[in-house]
């Protein structure tokens, strides 16, 4: 029987929410082993002074196996 742990991380990108998700998982994979799933819990954007989207932000819940 596997024991799983869930953590929450935040990531951002200047390209897209998908890119922010990829970056968040890639960064977390450097210190967490056995990541099994990711759930995008929340999405938001920051707006610059011109009223344009500046960055895409996501909150991810990652589950990984505890050894």
C-alpha atoms as a PDB file:
ATOM      1  CA  UNK A   1       0.000   0.000   0.000  1.00  0.00           C
ATOM      2  CA  UNK A   2       1.373   3.402  -0.979  1.00  0.00           C
ATOM      3  CA  UNK A   3       1.207   6.389   1.330  1.00  0.00           C
ATOM      4  CA  UNK A   4       0.750   9.680  -0.503  1.00  0.00           C
ATOM      5  CA  UNK A   5       1.398  13.246   0.604  1.00  0.00           C
ATOM      6  CA  UNK A   6      -0.149  16.360  -0.948  1.00  0.00           C
ATOM      7  CA  UNK A   7       1.553  19.756  -1.002  1.00  0.00           C
ATOM      8  CA  UNK A   8       0.560  23.049  -2.532  1.00  0.00           C
ATOM      9  CA  UNK A   9       2.896  25.149  -4.663  1.00  0.00           C
ATOM     10  CA  UNK A  10       2.571  28.355  -6.670  1.00  0.00           C
ATOM     11  CA  UNK A  11       4.190  29.008 -10.054  1.00  0.00           C
ATOM     12  CA  UNK A  12       4.048  31.695 -12.710  1.00  0.00           C
ATOM     13  CA  UNK A  13       4.895  32.285 -16.349  1.00  0.00           C
ATOM     14  CA  UNK A  14       4.829  35.200 -18.754  1.00  0.00           C
ATOM     15  CA  UNK A  15       3.502  32.867 -21.501  1.00  0.00           C
ATOM     16  CA  UNK A  16       0.501  30.834 -20.268  1.00  0.00           C
ATOM     17  CA  UNK A  17      -1.100  28.879 -17.444  1.00  0.00           C
ATOM     18  CA  UNK A  18       0.081  25.680 -19.119  1.00  0.00           C
ATOM     19  CA  UNK A  19       3.666  26.939 -19.087  1.00  0.00           C
ATOM     20  CA  UNK A  20       3.316  27.929 -15.427  1.00  0.00           C
ATOM     21  CA  UNK A  21       2.099  24.384 -14.677  1.00  0.00           C
ATOM     22  CA  UNK A  22       5.057  22.818 -16.503  1.00  0.00           C
ATOM     23  CA  UNK A  23       7.520  25.112 -14.730  1.00  0.00           C
ATOM     24  CA  UNK A  24       6.014  24.382 -11.305  1.00  0.00           C
ATOM     25  CA  UNK A  25       6.158  20.619 -11.801  1.00  0.00           C
ATOM     26  CA  UNK A  26       9.700  20.764 -13.214  1.00  0.00           C
ATOM     27  CA  UNK A  27      10.949  22.808 -10.258  1.00  0.00           C
ATOM     28  CA  UNK A  28       9.199  20.586  -7.688  1.00  0.00           C
ATOM     29  CA  UNK A  29      10.603  17.459  -9.388  1.00  0.00           C
ATOM     30  CA  UNK A  30      14.120  18.606  -8.496  1.00  0.00           C
ATOM     31  CA  UNK A  31      13.465  18.034  -4.789  1.00  0.00           C
ATOM     32  CA  UNK A  32      10.430  15.695  -4.740  1.00  0.00           C
ATOM     33  CA  UNK A  33      10.600  12.155  -6.063  1.00  0.00           C
ATOM     34  CA  UNK A  34       7.626  10.086  -7.111  1.00  0.00           C
ATOM     35  CA  UNK A  35       5.197  12.869  -8.064  1.00  0.00           C
ATOM     36  CA  UNK A  36       2.078  11.051  -9.198  1.00  0.00           C
ATOM     37  CA  UNK A  37      -0.400  13.822 -10.009  1.00  0.00           C
ATOM     38  CA  UNK A  38      -0.937  17.553 -10.137  1.00  0.00           C
ATOM     39  CA  UNK A  39      -4.200  19.423  -9.734  1.00  0.00           C
ATOM     40  CA  UNK A  40      -4.509  23.042 -10.806  1.00  0.00           C
ATOM     41  CA  UNK A  41      -6.478  24.471  -7.911  1.00  0.00           C
ATOM     42  CA  UNK A  42      -6.531  28.119  -8.961  1.00  0.00           C
ATOM     43  CA  UNK A  43      -5.526  30.361 -11.859  1.00  0.00           C
ATOM     44  CA  UNK A  44      -4.939  34.114 -11.849  1.00  0.00           C
ATOM     45  CA  UNK A  45      -3.106  36.801 -13.780  1.00  0.00           C
ATOM     46  CA  UNK A  46      -1.218  39.966 -12.923  1.00  0.00           C
ATOM     47  CA  UNK A  47      -1.893  43.088 -14.951  1.00  0.00           C
ATOM     48  CA  UNK A  48       0.705  45.716 -15.871  1.00  0.00           C
ATOM     49  CA  UNK A  49       0.207  49.491 -15.900  1.00  0.00           C
ATOM     50  CA  UNK A  50      -0.920  49.351 -19.556  1.00  0.00           C
ATOM     51  CA  UNK A  51      -3.825  47.070 -18.608  1.00  0.00           C
ATOM     52  CA  UNK A  52      -2.226  44.027 -20.265  1.00  0.00           C
ATOM     53  CA  UNK A  53      -1.629  40.589 -18.813  1.00  0.00           C
ATOM     54  CA  UNK A  54       1.836  40.590 -17.275  1.00  0.00           C
ATOM     55  CA  UNK A  55       2.033  37.045 -15.890  1.00  0.00           C
ATOM     56  CA  UNK A  56      -0.039  33.891 -15.460  1.00  0.00           C
ATOM     57  CA  UNK A  57      -0.148  32.333 -11.986  1.00  0.00           C
ATOM     58  CA  UNK A  58      -1.341  28.938 -10.811  1.00  0.00           C
ATOM     59  CA  UNK A  59      -1.749  27.152  -7.507  1.00  0.00           C
ATOM     60  CA  UNK A  60      -0.958  23.449  -7.870  1.00  0.00           C
ATOM     61  CA  UNK A  61      -1.599  20.578  -5.521  1.00  0.00           C
ATOM     62  CA  UNK A  62       0.991  17.859  -6.064  1.00  0.00           C
ATOM     63  CA  UNK A  63       0.702  14.346  -4.728  1.00  0.00           C
ATOM     64  CA  UNK A  64       3.739  12.132  -4.289  1.00  0.00           C
ATOM     65  CA  UNK A  65       4.559   8.831  -2.671  1.00  0.00           C
ATOM     66  CA  UNK A  66       6.099   8.860   0.796  1.00  0.00           C
ATOM     67  CA  UNK A  67       8.791   6.175   1.233  1.00  0.00           C
END
